[in-house]
Amino acid sequence: MPTISAFHGILIRMYTGSREHDPPHIHVLYQGVEASFAIHDCSLLNGTLPVGKRRLVEAWIELRREELLADWDLARRGEALEKIAPLQ
């Protein structure tokens, strides 16, 4: 699962190929905890994150939604993903 971005100790990843399934989403890892978030509405699909880190991820998704959806299309086709700028 490639890491497409990292910021504030948070890793953002996306599976590629047949392992990805709808809805479009990202996988987030932070200090041993994992969560997944929907790209379209930033909703938490699975897992947990500390509230402050969750807000950072939600803000990042809002800012990078188009790039995330472009990577989602690449992931579904099993192609290499593009890195996405971190939250600064």
PDB file of N, CA and C in Angstrom:
ATOM      1  N   MET A   1       0.857  -1.163   0.000  1.00  0.00           N
ATOM      2  CA  MET A   1       0.000   0.000   0.000  1.00  0.00           C
ATOM      3  C   MET A   1       0.905   1.229   0.000  1.00  0.00           C
ATOM      4  N   PRO A   2       0.943   1.951  -1.105  1.00  0.00           N
ATOM      5  CA  PRO A   2       1.824   3.112  -1.201  1.00  0.00           C
ATOM      6  C   PRO A   2       1.401   4.272  -0.292  1.00  0.00           C
ATOM      7  N   THR A   3       2.395   4.939   0.270  1.00  0.00           N
ATOM      8  CA  THR A   3       2.154   6.166   1.030  1.00  0.00           C
ATOM      9  C   THR A   3       2.121   7.314   0.036  1.00  0.00           C
ATOM     10  N   ILE A   4       1.017   8.066   0.014  1.00  0.00           N
ATOM     11  CA  ILE A   4       0.892   9.160  -0.945  1.00  0.00           C
ATOM     12  C   ILE A   4       1.155  10.521  -0.318  1.00  0.00           C
ATOM     13  N   SER A   5       1.147  10.583   1.025  1.00  0.00           N
ATOM     14  CA  SER A   5       1.463  11.835   1.702  1.00  0.00           C
ATOM     15  C   SER A   5       1.774  11.533   3.167  1.00  0.00           C
ATOM     16  N   ALA A   6       2.451  12.479   3.798  1.00  0.00           N
ATOM     17  CA  ALA A   6       2.764  12.361   5.225  1.00  0.00           C
ATOM     18  C   ALA A   6       2.890  13.761   5.814  1.00  0.00           C
ATOM     19  N   PHE A   7       2.298  13.957   6.983  1.00  0.00           N
ATOM     20  CA  PHE A   7       2.393  15.249   7.668  1.00  0.00           C
ATOM     21  C   PHE A   7       2.021  15.064   9.132  1.00  0.00           C
ATOM     22  N   HIS A   8       2.691  15.810  10.008  1.00  0.00           N
ATOM     23  CA  HIS A   8       2.406  15.800  11.444  1.00  0.00           C
ATOM     24  C   HIS A   8       2.376  14.388  12.024  1.00  0.00           C
ATOM     25  N   GLY A   9       3.251  13.507  11.530  1.00  0.00           N
ATOM     26  CA  GLY A   9       3.312  12.131  12.017  1.00  0.00           C
ATOM     27  C   GLY A   9       2.237  11.217  11.453  1.00  0.00           C
ATOM     28  N   ILE A  10       1.465  11.719  10.509  1.00  0.00           N
ATOM     29  CA  ILE A  10       0.361  10.969   9.899  1.00  0.00           C
ATOM     30  C   ILE A  10       0.803  10.458   8.534  1.00  0.00           C
ATOM     31  N   LEU A  11       0.564   9.181   8.264  1.00  0.00           N
ATOM     32  CA  LEU A  11       0.825   8.613   6.944  1.00  0.00           C
ATOM     33  C   LEU A  11      -0.504   8.408   6.233  1.00  0.00           C
ATOM     34  N   ILE A  12      -0.565   8.843   4.973  1.00  0.00           N
ATOM     35  CA  ILE A  12      -1.768   8.674   4.149  1.00  0.00           C
ATOM     36  C   ILE A  12      -1.434   7.648   3.074  1.00  0.00           C
ATOM     37  N   ARG A  13      -2.248   6.601   3.008  1.00  0.00           N
ATOM     38  CA  ARG A  13      -1.992   5.519   2.056  1.00  0.00           C
ATOM     39  C   ARG A  13      -3.251   5.162   1.280  1.00  0.00           C
ATOM     40  N   MET A  14      -3.006   4.469   0.156  1.00  0.00           N
ATOM     41  CA  MET A  14      -4.106   3.996  -0.671  1.00  0.00           C
ATOM     42  C   MET A  14      -3.691   2.663  -1.280  1.00  0.00           C
ATOM     43  N   TYR A  15      -4.568   1.662  -1.177  1.00  0.00           N
ATOM     44  CA  TYR A  15      -4.305   0.386  -1.844  1.00  0.00           C
ATOM     45  C   TYR A  15      -4.403   0.579  -3.348  1.00  0.00           C
ATOM     46  N   THR A  16      -3.804  -0.344  -4.097  1.00  0.00           N
ATOM     47  CA  THR A  16      -3.924  -0.300  -5.554  1.00  0.00           C
ATOM     48  C   THR A  16      -4.496  -1.613  -6.065  1.00  0.00           C
ATOM     49  N   GLY A  17      -5.098  -1.554  -7.245  1.00  0.00           N
ATOM     50  CA  GLY A  17      -5.619  -2.750  -7.895  1.00  0.00           C
ATOM     51  C   GLY A  17      -6.911  -3.233  -7.278  1.00  0.00           C
ATOM     52  N   SER A  18      -7.096  -4.535  -7.306  1.00  0.00           N
ATOM     53  CA  SER A  18      -8.366  -5.138  -6.889  1.00  0.00           C
ATOM     54  C   SER A  18      -8.613  -5.035  -5.385  1.00  0.00           C
ATOM     55  N   ARG A  19      -7.619  -4.632  -4.611  1.00  0.00           N
ATOM     56  CA  ARG A  19      -7.814  -4.494  -3.164  1.00  0.00           C
ATOM     57  C   ARG A  19      -8.641  -3.258  -2.831  1.00  0.00           C
ATOM     58  N   GLU A  20      -8.719  -2.296  -3.721  1.00  0.00           N
ATOM     59  CA  GLU A  20      -9.512  -1.096  -3.461  1.00  0.00           C
ATOM     60  C   GLU A  20     -10.971  -1.353  -3.811  1.00  0.00           C
ATOM     61  N   HIS A  21     -11.847  -0.784  -3.049  1.00  0.00           N
ATOM     62  CA  HIS A  21     -13.279  -0.969  -3.204  1.00  0.00           C
ATOM     63  C   HIS A  21     -13.964   0.357  -2.895  1.00  0.00           C
ATOM     64  N   ASP A  22     -15.160   0.519  -3.407  1.00  0.00           N
ATOM     65  CA  ASP A  22     -15.926   1.737  -3.148  1.00  0.00           C
ATOM     66  C   ASP A  22     -16.410   1.757  -1.712  1.00  0.00           C
ATOM     67  N   PRO A  23     -16.645   2.910  -1.139  1.00  0.00           N
ATOM     68  CA  PRO A  23     -16.496   4.240  -1.710  1.00  0.00           C
ATOM     69  C   PRO A  23     -15.026   4.655  -1.772  1.00  0.00           C
ATOM     70  N   PRO A  24     -14.704   5.639  -2.615  1.00  0.00           N
ATOM     71  CA  PRO A  24     -13.325   6.130  -2.659  1.00  0.00           C
ATOM     72  C   PRO A  24     -12.884   6.574  -1.257  1.00  0.00           C
ATOM     73  N   HIS A  25     -11.711   6.093  -0.833  1.00  0.00           N
ATOM     74  CA  HIS A  25     -11.263   6.370   0.524  1.00  0.00           C
ATOM     75  C   HIS A  25      -9.745   6.306   0.631  1.00  0.00           C
ATOM     76  N   ILE A  26      -9.251   6.770   1.773  1.00  0.00           N
ATOM     77  CA  ILE A  26      -7.829   6.691   2.089  1.00  0.00           C
ATOM     78  C   ILE A  26      -7.658   5.936   3.396  1.00  0.00           C
ATOM     79  N   HIS A  27      -6.472   5.410   3.592  1.00  0.00           N
ATOM     80  CA  HIS A  27      -6.095   4.756   4.833  1.00  0.00           C
ATOM     81  C   HIS A  27      -5.112   5.661   5.550  1.00  0.00           C
ATOM     82  N   VAL A  28      -5.309   5.849   6.852  1.00  0.00           N
ATOM     83  CA  VAL A  28      -4.499   6.761   7.651  1.00  0.00           C
ATOM     84  C   VAL A  28      -3.867   5.985   8.792  1.00  0.00           C
ATOM     85  N   LEU A  29      -2.565   6.177   8.980  1.00  0.00           N
ATOM     86  CA  LEU A  29      -1.859   5.551  10.094  1.00  0.00           C
ATOM     87  C   LEU A  29      -1.219   6.641  10.941  1.00  0.00           C
ATOM     88  N   TYR A  30      -1.379   6.512  12.252  1.00  0.00           N
ATOM     89  CA  TYR A  30      -0.777   7.465  13.177  1.00  0.00           C
ATOM     90  C   TYR A  30      -0.466   6.742  14.482  1.00  0.00           C
ATOM     91  N   GLN A  31       0.788   6.653  14.823  1.00  0.00           N
ATOM     92  CA  GLN A  31       1.252   6.056  16.068  1.00  0.00           C
ATOM     93  C   GLN A  31       0.570   4.728  16.389  1.00  0.00           C
ATOM     94  N   GLY A  32       0.562   3.839  15.410  1.00  0.00           N
ATOM     95  CA  GLY A  32       0.037   2.499  15.630  1.00  0.00           C
ATOM     96  C   GLY A  32      -1.464   2.344  15.513  1.00  0.00           C
ATOM     97  N   VAL A  33      -2.193   3.435  15.294  1.00  0.00           N
ATOM     98  CA  VAL A  33      -3.638   3.323  15.076  1.00  0.00           C
ATOM     99  C   VAL A  33      -3.936   3.566  13.605  1.00  0.00           C
ATOM    100  N   GLU A  34      -4.997   2.946  13.135  1.00  0.00           N
ATOM    101  CA  GLU A  34      -5.371   3.053  11.732  1.00  0.00           C
ATOM    102  C   GLU A  34      -6.821   3.494  11.605  1.00  0.00           C
ATOM    103  N   ALA A  35      -7.095   4.200  10.522  1.00  0.00           N
ATOM    104  CA  ALA A  35      -8.454   4.632  10.219  1.00  0.00           C
ATOM    105  C   ALA A  35      -8.586   4.766   8.711  1.00  0.00           C
ATOM    106  N   SER A  36      -9.803   4.753   8.223  1.00  0.00           N
ATOM    107  CA  SER A  36     -10.035   5.059   6.816  1.00  0.00           C
ATOM    108  C   SER A  36     -11.107   6.138   6.732  1.00  0.00           C
ATOM    109  N   PHE A  37     -10.934   7.018   5.735  1.00  0.00           N
ATOM    110  CA  PHE A  37     -11.822   8.164   5.550  1.00  0.00           C
ATOM    111  C   PHE A  37     -12.325   8.196   4.113  1.00  0.00           C
ATOM    112  N   ALA A  38     -13.603   8.500   3.946  1.00  0.00           N
ATOM    113  CA  ALA A  38     -14.176   8.686   2.621  1.00  0.00           C
ATOM    114  C   ALA A  38     -13.635   9.979   2.022  1.00  0.00           C
ATOM    115  N   ILE A  39     -13.317   9.934   0.747  1.00  0.00           N
ATOM    116  CA  ILE A  39     -12.779  11.121   0.074  1.00  0.00           C
ATOM    117  C   ILE A  39     -13.885  12.147  -0.192  1.00  0.00           C
ATOM    118  N   HIS A  40     -15.065  11.701  -0.551  1.00  0.00           N
ATOM    119  CA  HIS A  40     -16.123  12.636  -0.940  1.00  0.00           C
ATOM    120  C   HIS A  40     -16.612  13.528   0.188  1.00  0.00           C
ATOM    121  N   ASP A  41     -16.728  12.978   1.408  1.00  0.00           N
ATOM    122  CA  ASP A  41     -17.291  13.783   2.493  1.00  0.00           C
ATOM    123  C   ASP A  41     -16.464  13.781   3.782  1.00  0.00           C
ATOM    124  N   CYS A  42     -15.257  13.222   3.727  1.00  0.00           N
ATOM    125  CA  CYS A  42     -14.336  13.181   4.875  1.00  0.00           C
ATOM    126  C   CYS A  42     -14.839  12.335   6.039  1.00  0.00           C
ATOM    127  N   SER A  43     -15.887  11.549   5.832  1.00  0.00           N
ATOM    128  CA  SER A  43     -16.422  10.769   6.950  1.00  0.00           C
ATOM    129  C   SER A  43     -15.467   9.641   7.333  1.00  0.00           C
ATOM    130  N   LEU A  44     -15.448   9.337   8.626  1.00  0.00           N
ATOM    131  CA  LEU A  44     -14.644   8.237   9.150  1.00  0.00           C
ATOM    132  C   LEU A  44     -15.382   6.945   8.832  1.00  0.00           C
ATOM    133  N   LEU A  45     -14.728   6.069   8.055  1.00  0.00           N
ATOM    134  CA  LEU A  45     -15.351   4.811   7.653  1.00  0.00           C
ATOM    135  C   LEU A  45     -15.025   3.675   8.609  1.00  0.00           C
ATOM    136  N   ASN A  46     -13.819   3.724   9.165  1.00  0.00           N
ATOM    137  CA  ASN A  46     -13.348   2.615   9.975  1.00  0.00           C
ATOM    138  C   ASN A  46     -12.198   3.091  10.850  1.00  0.00           C
ATOM    139  N   GLY A  47     -12.078   2.536  12.032  1.00  0.00           N
ATOM    140  CA  GLY A  47     -10.948   2.837  12.892  1.00  0.00           C
ATOM    141  C   GLY A  47     -11.155   4.081  13.726  1.00  0.00           C
ATOM    142  N   THR A  48     -10.041   4.602  14.234  1.00  0.00           N
ATOM    143  CA  THR A  48     -10.089   5.764  15.113  1.00  0.00           C
ATOM    144  C   THR A  48      -8.787   6.548  15.028  1.00  0.00           C
ATOM    145  N   LEU A  49      -8.863   7.826  15.299  1.00  0.00           N
ATOM    146  CA  LEU A  49      -7.698   8.714  15.400  1.00  0.00           C
ATOM    147  C   LEU A  49      -7.962   9.693  16.524  1.00  0.00           C
ATOM    148  N   PRO A  50      -6.914  10.213  17.164  1.00  0.00           N
ATOM    149  CA  PRO A  50      -7.136  11.294  18.128  1.00  0.00           C
ATOM    150  C   PRO A  50      -7.847  12.465  17.431  1.00  0.00           C
ATOM    151  N   VAL A  51      -8.697  13.160  18.155  1.00  0.00           N
ATOM    152  CA  VAL A  51      -9.529  14.218  17.575  1.00  0.00           C
ATOM    153  C   VAL A  51      -8.710  15.246  16.794  1.00  0.00           C
ATOM    154  N   GLY A  52      -7.617  15.708  17.335  1.00  0.00           N
ATOM    155  CA  GLY A  52      -6.799  16.713  16.650  1.00  0.00           C
ATOM    156  C   GLY A  52      -6.244  16.205  15.332  1.00  0.00           C
ATOM    157  N   LYS A  53      -5.794  14.970  15.311  1.00  0.00           N
ATOM    158  CA  LYS A  53      -5.253  14.386  14.074  1.00  0.00           C
ATOM    159  C   LYS A  53      -6.382  14.141  13.075  1.00  0.00           C
ATOM    160  N   ARG A  54      -7.533  13.750  13.572  1.00  0.00           N
ATOM    161  CA  ARG A  54      -8.680  13.545  12.682  1.00  0.00           C
ATOM    162  C   ARG A  54      -9.043  14.849  11.976  1.00  0.00           C
ATOM    163  N   ARG A  55      -9.036  15.944  12.700  1.00  0.00           N
ATOM    164  CA  ARG A  55      -9.355  17.241  12.088  1.00  0.00           C
ATOM    165  C   ARG A  55      -8.330  17.628  11.028  1.00  0.00           C
ATOM    166  N   LEU A  56      -7.058  17.319  11.288  1.00  0.00           N
ATOM    167  CA  LEU A  56      -6.024  17.603  10.282  1.00  0.00           C
ATOM    168  C   LEU A  56      -6.270  16.799   9.006  1.00  0.00           C
ATOM    169  N   VAL A  57      -6.599  15.528   9.170  1.00  0.00           N
ATOM    170  CA  VAL A  57      -6.868  14.675   8.002  1.00  0.00           C
ATOM    171  C   VAL A  57      -8.082  15.187   7.242  1.00  0.00           C
ATOM    172  N   GLU A  58      -9.133  15.550   7.942  1.00  0.00           N
ATOM    173  CA  GLU A  58     -10.341  16.066   7.284  1.00  0.00           C
ATOM    174  C   GLU A  58     -10.040  17.345   6.507  1.00  0.00           C
ATOM    175  N   ALA A  59      -9.257  18.245   7.090  1.00  0.00           N
ATOM    176  CA  ALA A  59      -8.884  19.487   6.402  1.00  0.00           C
ATOM    177  C   ALA A  59      -8.057  19.183   5.166  1.00  0.00           C
ATOM    178  N   TRP A  60      -7.136  18.237   5.282  1.00  0.00           N
ATOM    179  CA  TRP A  60      -6.283  17.869   4.152  1.00  0.00           C
ATOM    180  C   TRP A  60      -7.121  17.279   3.023  1.00  0.00           C
ATOM    181  N   ILE A  61      -8.071  16.413   3.362  1.00  0.00           N
ATOM    182  CA  ILE A  61      -8.947  15.835   2.329  1.00  0.00           C
ATOM    183  C   ILE A  61      -9.700  16.945   1.602  1.00  0.00           C
ATOM    184  N   GLU A  62     -10.245  17.897   2.353  1.00  0.00           N
ATOM    185  CA  GLU A  62     -10.981  19.012   1.733  1.00  0.00           C
ATOM    186  C   GLU A  62     -10.103  19.763   0.730  1.00  0.00           C
ATOM    187  N   LEU A  63      -8.855  20.009   1.107  1.00  0.00           N
ATOM    188  CA  LEU A  63      -7.925  20.753   0.243  1.00  0.00           C
ATOM    189  C   LEU A  63      -7.449  19.951  -0.960  1.00  0.00           C
ATOM    190  N   ARG A  64      -7.376  18.646  -0.833  1.00  0.00           N
ATOM    191  CA  ARG A  64      -6.742  17.793  -1.853  1.00  0.00           C
ATOM    192  C   ARG A  64      -7.710  16.824  -2.524  1.00  0.00           C
ATOM    193  N   ARG A  65      -9.010  17.070  -2.409  1.00  0.00           N
ATOM    194  CA  ARG A  65     -10.013  16.125  -2.906  1.00  0.00           C
ATOM    195  C   ARG A  65      -9.804  15.755  -4.380  1.00  0.00           C
ATOM    196  N   GLU A  66      -9.578  16.728  -5.243  1.00  0.00           N
ATOM    197  CA  GLU A  66      -9.414  16.423  -6.671  1.00  0.00           C
ATOM    198  C   GLU A  66      -8.209  15.525  -6.912  1.00  0.00           C
ATOM    199  N   GLU A  67      -7.103  15.808  -6.235  1.00  0.00           N
ATOM    200  CA  GLU A  67      -5.904  14.988  -6.379  1.00  0.00           C
ATOM    201  C   GLU A  67      -6.135  13.582  -5.829  1.00  0.00           C
ATOM    202  N   LEU A  68      -6.855  13.491  -4.726  1.00  0.00           N
ATOM    203  CA  LEU A  68      -7.167  12.188  -4.141  1.00  0.00           C
ATOM    204  C   LEU A  68      -8.036  11.358  -5.082  1.00  0.00           C
ATOM    205  N   LEU A  69      -9.019  11.974  -5.687  1.00  0.00           N
ATOM    206  CA  LEU A  69      -9.875  11.245  -6.620  1.00  0.00           C
ATOM    207  C   LEU A  69      -9.106  10.816  -7.864  1.00  0.00           C
ATOM    208  N   ALA A  70      -8.163  11.641  -8.301  1.00  0.00           N
ATOM    209  CA  ALA A  70      -7.315  11.254  -9.433  1.00  0.00           C
ATOM    210  C   ALA A  70      -6.466  10.040  -9.055  1.00  0.00           C
ATOM    211  N   ASP A  71      -5.900  10.043  -7.842  1.00  0.00           N
ATOM    212  CA  ASP A  71      -5.135   8.887  -7.374  1.00  0.00           C
ATOM    213  C   ASP A  71      -6.036   7.664  -7.229  1.00  0.00           C
ATOM    214  N   TRP A  72      -7.266   7.870  -6.777  1.00  0.00           N
ATOM    215  CA  TRP A  72      -8.212   6.756  -6.650  1.00  0.00           C
ATOM    216  C   TRP A  72      -8.403   6.076  -8.006  1.00  0.00           C
ATOM    217  N   ASP A  73      -8.582   6.879  -9.062  1.00  0.00           N
ATOM    218  CA  ASP A  73      -8.738   6.309 -10.403  1.00  0.00           C
ATOM    219  C   ASP A  73      -7.501   5.516 -10.808  1.00  0.00           C
ATOM    220  N   LEU A  74      -6.321   6.051 -10.512  1.00  0.00           N
ATOM    221  CA  LEU A  74      -5.079   5.324 -10.804  1.00  0.00           C
ATOM    222  C   LEU A  74      -5.022   4.023 -10.003  1.00  0.00           C
ATOM    223  N   ALA A  75      -5.377   4.093  -8.737  1.00  0.00           N
ATOM    224  CA  ALA A  75      -5.334   2.912  -7.870  1.00  0.00           C
ATOM    225  C   ALA A  75      -6.256   1.820  -8.389  1.00  0.00           C
ATOM    226  N   ARG A  76      -7.428   2.186  -8.821  1.00  0.00           N
ATOM    227  CA  ARG A  76      -8.399   1.200  -9.327  1.00  0.00           C
ATOM    228  C   ARG A  76      -7.880   0.507 -10.577  1.00  0.00           C
ATOM    229  N   ARG A  77      -7.054   1.218 -11.343  1.00  0.00           N
ATOM    230  CA  ARG A  77      -6.472   0.626 -12.554  1.00  0.00           C
ATOM    231  C   ARG A  77      -5.157  -0.094 -12.266  1.00  0.00           C
ATOM    232  N   GLY A  78      -4.711  -0.048 -11.008  1.00  0.00           N
ATOM    233  CA  GLY A  78      -3.462  -0.706 -10.641  1.00  0.00           C
ATOM    234  C   GLY A  78      -2.228   0.054 -11.088  1.00  0.00           C
ATOM    235  N   GLU A  79      -2.371   1.347 -11.354  1.00  0.00           N
ATOM    236  CA  GLU A  79      -1.255   2.168 -11.818  1.00  0.00           C
ATOM    237  C   GLU A  79      -0.567   2.859 -10.645  1.00  0.00           C
ATOM    238  N   ALA A  80       0.630   3.366 -10.902  1.00  0.00           N
ATOM    239  CA  ALA A  80       1.397   4.071  -9.868  1.00  0.00           C
ATOM    240  C   ALA A  80       0.659   5.336  -9.436  1.00  0.00           C
ATOM    241  N   LEU A  81       0.658   5.582  -8.139  1.00  0.00           N
ATOM    242  CA  LEU A  81      -0.035   6.753  -7.600  1.00  0.00           C
ATOM    243  C   LEU A  81       0.905   7.964  -7.556  1.00  0.00           C
ATOM    244  N   GLU A  82       0.294   9.134  -7.620  1.00  0.00           N
ATOM    245  CA  GLU A  82       1.030  10.387  -7.505  1.00  0.00           C
ATOM    246  C   GLU A  82       1.132  10.775  -6.042  1.00  0.00           C
ATOM    247  N   LYS A  83       2.270  11.327  -5.643  1.00  0.00           N
ATOM    248  CA  LYS A  83       2.403  11.895  -4.304  1.00  0.00           C
ATOM    249  C   LYS A  83       1.542  13.151  -4.227  1.00  0.00           C
ATOM    250  N   ILE A  84       0.997  13.424  -3.051  1.00  0.00           N
ATOM    251  CA  ILE A  84       0.142  14.594  -2.850  1.00  0.00           C
ATOM    252  C   ILE A  84       0.770  15.441  -1.735  1.00  0.00           C
ATOM    253  N   ALA A  85       0.792  16.736  -1.954  1.00  0.00           N
ATOM    254  CA  ALA A  85       1.417  17.655  -1.010  1.00  0.00           C
ATOM    255  C   ALA A  85       0.820  17.496   0.385  1.00  0.00           C
ATOM    256  N   PRO A  86       1.662  17.589   1.405  1.00  0.00           N
ATOM    257  CA  PRO A  86       1.167  17.461   2.783  1.00  0.00           C
ATOM    258  C   PRO A  86       0.455  18.726   3.250  1.00  0.00           C
ATOM    259  N   LEU A  87      -0.198  18.601   4.382  1.00  0.00           N
ATOM    260  CA  LEU A  87      -0.797  19.746   5.048  1.00  0.00           C
ATOM    261  C   LEU A  87       0.337  20.502   5.730  1.00  0.00           C
ATOM    262  N   GLN A  88       0.376  21.814   5.536  1.00  0.00           N
ATOM    263  CA  GLN A  88       1.460  22.584   6.124  1.00  0.00           C
ATOM    264  C   GLN A  88       0.965  23.573   7.135  1.00  0.00           C
TER     265      GLN A  88
END
